[in-house]
């Protein structure tokens, strides 16, 4: 289980790095927001999955999943509103 958790953490770190590279390399703000949102949500999901696998209790695992879901909702909502503002010329 520890090896699987380590591999999931590395995979999550890879997606975080890919999102950061996307923010630096993409030409416009909408592409940057898209890259950051998708890669960060996926990276966080893999890291949370690794932590759930290594957690000692079900309650801790459920709390970690709840934190991930809240981060998904917040990130998606904020990026939607930022993108809409950018399209409208704000």
C-alpha atoms as a PDB file:
ATOM      1  CA  UNK A   1       0.000   0.000   0.000  1.00  0.00           C
ATOM      2  CA  UNK A   2       2.851   2.360   0.749  1.00  0.00           C
ATOM      3  CA  UNK A   3       4.300   1.858  -2.723  1.00  0.00           C
ATOM      4  CA  UNK A   4       0.925   2.534  -4.348  1.00  0.00           C
ATOM      5  CA  UNK A   5       0.471   5.656  -2.221  1.00  0.00           C
ATOM      6  CA  UNK A   6       3.925   6.863  -3.195  1.00  0.00           C
ATOM      7  CA  UNK A   7       3.188   6.342  -6.876  1.00  0.00           C
ATOM      8  CA  UNK A   8      -0.100   8.232  -6.557  1.00  0.00           C
ATOM      9  CA  UNK A   9       1.692  11.119  -4.833  1.00  0.00           C
ATOM     10  CA  UNK A  10       4.236  11.268  -7.635  1.00  0.00           C
ATOM     11  CA  UNK A  11       1.452  11.226 -10.204  1.00  0.00           C
ATOM     12  CA  UNK A  12      -0.298  14.055  -8.365  1.00  0.00           C
ATOM     13  CA  UNK A  13       2.927  16.053  -8.247  1.00  0.00           C
ATOM     14  CA  UNK A  14       3.336  15.521 -11.988  1.00  0.00           C
ATOM     15  CA  UNK A  15      -0.100  17.010 -12.655  1.00  0.00           C
ATOM     16  CA  UNK A  16       0.645  19.963 -10.379  1.00  0.00           C
ATOM     17  CA  UNK A  17       3.854  20.552 -12.328  1.00  0.00           C
ATOM     18  CA  UNK A  18       2.049  20.224 -15.666  1.00  0.00           C
ATOM     19  CA  UNK A  19      -0.511  22.804 -14.569  1.00  0.00           C
ATOM     20  CA  UNK A  20       2.240  25.188 -13.526  1.00  0.00           C
ATOM     21  CA  UNK A  21       3.971  24.788 -16.875  1.00  0.00           C
ATOM     22  CA  UNK A  22       0.642  25.453 -18.587  1.00  0.00           C
ATOM     23  CA  UNK A  23       0.243  28.702 -16.674  1.00  0.00           C
ATOM     24  CA  UNK A  24       3.670  29.830 -17.818  1.00  0.00           C
ATOM     25  CA  UNK A  25       3.506  28.670 -21.444  1.00  0.00           C
ATOM     26  CA  UNK A  26      -0.079  29.210 -22.603  1.00  0.00           C
ATOM     27  CA  UNK A  27      -0.704  32.452 -24.488  1.00  0.00           C
ATOM     28  CA  UNK A  28      -3.985  33.793 -23.110  1.00  0.00           C
ATOM     29  CA  UNK A  29      -5.737  33.963 -19.761  1.00  0.00           C
ATOM     30  CA  UNK A  30      -8.534  31.542 -20.609  1.00  0.00           C
ATOM     31  CA  UNK A  31      -6.087  28.812 -21.589  1.00  0.00           C
ATOM     32  CA  UNK A  32      -4.087  29.420 -18.431  1.00  0.00           C
ATOM     33  CA  UNK A  33      -7.170  29.172 -16.238  1.00  0.00           C
ATOM     34  CA  UNK A  34      -8.194  25.933 -17.960  1.00  0.00           C
ATOM     35  CA  UNK A  35      -4.774  24.353 -17.557  1.00  0.00           C
ATOM     36  CA  UNK A  36      -4.487  25.360 -13.934  1.00  0.00           C
ATOM     37  CA  UNK A  37      -7.972  24.211 -12.961  1.00  0.00           C
ATOM     38  CA  UNK A  38      -7.872  20.816 -14.632  1.00  0.00           C
ATOM     39  CA  UNK A  39      -4.334  19.882 -13.677  1.00  0.00           C
ATOM     40  CA  UNK A  40      -4.623  21.063 -10.073  1.00  0.00           C
ATOM     41  CA  UNK A  41      -7.913  19.256  -9.488  1.00  0.00           C
ATOM     42  CA  UNK A  42      -6.509  16.040 -10.898  1.00  0.00           C
ATOM     43  CA  UNK A  43      -3.248  16.399  -8.969  1.00  0.00           C
ATOM     44  CA  UNK A  44      -5.100  17.046  -5.737  1.00  0.00           C
ATOM     45  CA  UNK A  45      -7.325  14.052  -6.434  1.00  0.00           C
ATOM     46  CA  UNK A  46      -4.357  11.703  -6.779  1.00  0.00           C
ATOM     47  CA  UNK A  47      -2.714  13.018  -3.626  1.00  0.00           C
ATOM     48  CA  UNK A  48      -5.962  12.743  -1.656  1.00  0.00           C
ATOM     49  CA  UNK A  49      -6.384   9.188  -2.927  1.00  0.00           C
ATOM     50  CA  UNK A  50      -2.872   8.371  -1.714  1.00  0.00           C
ATOM     51  CA  UNK A  51      -3.669   9.860   1.682  1.00  0.00           C
ATOM     52  CA  UNK A  52      -6.965   7.963   1.896  1.00  0.00           C
ATOM     53  CA  UNK A  53      -5.144   4.704   1.188  1.00  0.00           C
ATOM     54  CA  UNK A  54      -2.667   5.349   4.000  1.00  0.00           C
ATOM     55  CA  UNK A  55      -5.161   6.790   6.512  1.00  0.00           C
ATOM     56  CA  UNK A  56      -5.785   4.830   9.671  1.00  0.00           C
ATOM     57  CA  UNK A  57      -9.542   5.374   9.930  1.00  0.00           C
ATOM     58  CA  UNK A  58     -12.567   5.723   7.712  1.00  0.00           C
ATOM     59  CA  UNK A  59     -13.446   9.094   9.276  1.00  0.00           C
ATOM     60  CA  UNK A  60     -10.119  10.592   8.248  1.00  0.00           C
ATOM     61  CA  UNK A  61     -10.532   9.239   4.717  1.00  0.00           C
ATOM     62  CA  UNK A  62     -14.014  10.717   4.427  1.00  0.00           C
ATOM     63  CA  UNK A  63     -12.770  14.085   5.664  1.00  0.00           C
ATOM     64  CA  UNK A  64     -10.027  14.058   3.042  1.00  0.00           C
ATOM     65  CA  UNK A  65     -12.530  13.260   0.300  1.00  0.00           C
ATOM     66  CA  UNK A  66     -14.805  16.041   1.548  1.00  0.00           C
ATOM     67  CA  UNK A  67     -11.909  18.505   1.419  1.00  0.00           C
ATOM     68  CA  UNK A  68     -11.175  17.430  -2.165  1.00  0.00           C
ATOM     69  CA  UNK A  69     -14.820  17.844  -3.202  1.00  0.00           C
ATOM     70  CA  UNK A  70     -14.949  21.324  -1.658  1.00  0.00           C
ATOM     71  CA  UNK A  71     -11.735  22.265  -3.460  1.00  0.00           C
ATOM     72  CA  UNK A  72     -13.229  21.006  -6.748  1.00  0.00           C
ATOM     73  CA  UNK A  73     -16.372  23.080  -6.305  1.00  0.00           C
ATOM     74  CA  UNK A  74     -14.474  26.198  -5.259  1.00  0.00           C
ATOM     75  CA  UNK A  75     -11.879  25.953  -8.010  1.00  0.00           C
ATOM     76  CA  UNK A  76     -14.413  25.291 -10.742  1.00  0.00           C
ATOM     77  CA  UNK A  77     -16.690  28.098  -9.600  1.00  0.00           C
ATOM     78  CA  UNK A  78     -13.929  30.672  -9.309  1.00  0.00           C
ATOM     79  CA  UNK A  79     -12.478  29.782 -12.705  1.00  0.00           C
ATOM     80  CA  UNK A  80     -15.930  29.925 -14.290  1.00  0.00           C
ATOM     81  CA  UNK A  81     -16.556  33.411 -12.940  1.00  0.00           C
ATOM     82  CA  UNK A  82     -13.068  34.590 -13.928  1.00  0.00           C
ATOM     83  CA  UNK A  83     -13.494  33.216 -17.447  1.00  0.00           C
ATOM     84  CA  UNK A  84     -16.890  34.812 -17.834  1.00  0.00           C
ATOM     85  CA  UNK A  85     -15.500  38.140 -16.676  1.00  0.00           C
ATOM     86  CA  UNK A  86     -12.606  37.863 -19.135  1.00  0.00           C
ATOM     87  CA  UNK A  87     -14.938  37.067 -22.048  1.00  0.00           C
ATOM     88  CA  UNK A  88     -17.188  39.995 -21.222  1.00  0.00           C
ATOM     89  CA  UNK A  89     -14.215  42.324 -21.265  1.00  0.00           C
ATOM     90  CA  UNK A  90     -13.558  42.903 -17.595  1.00  0.00           C
END
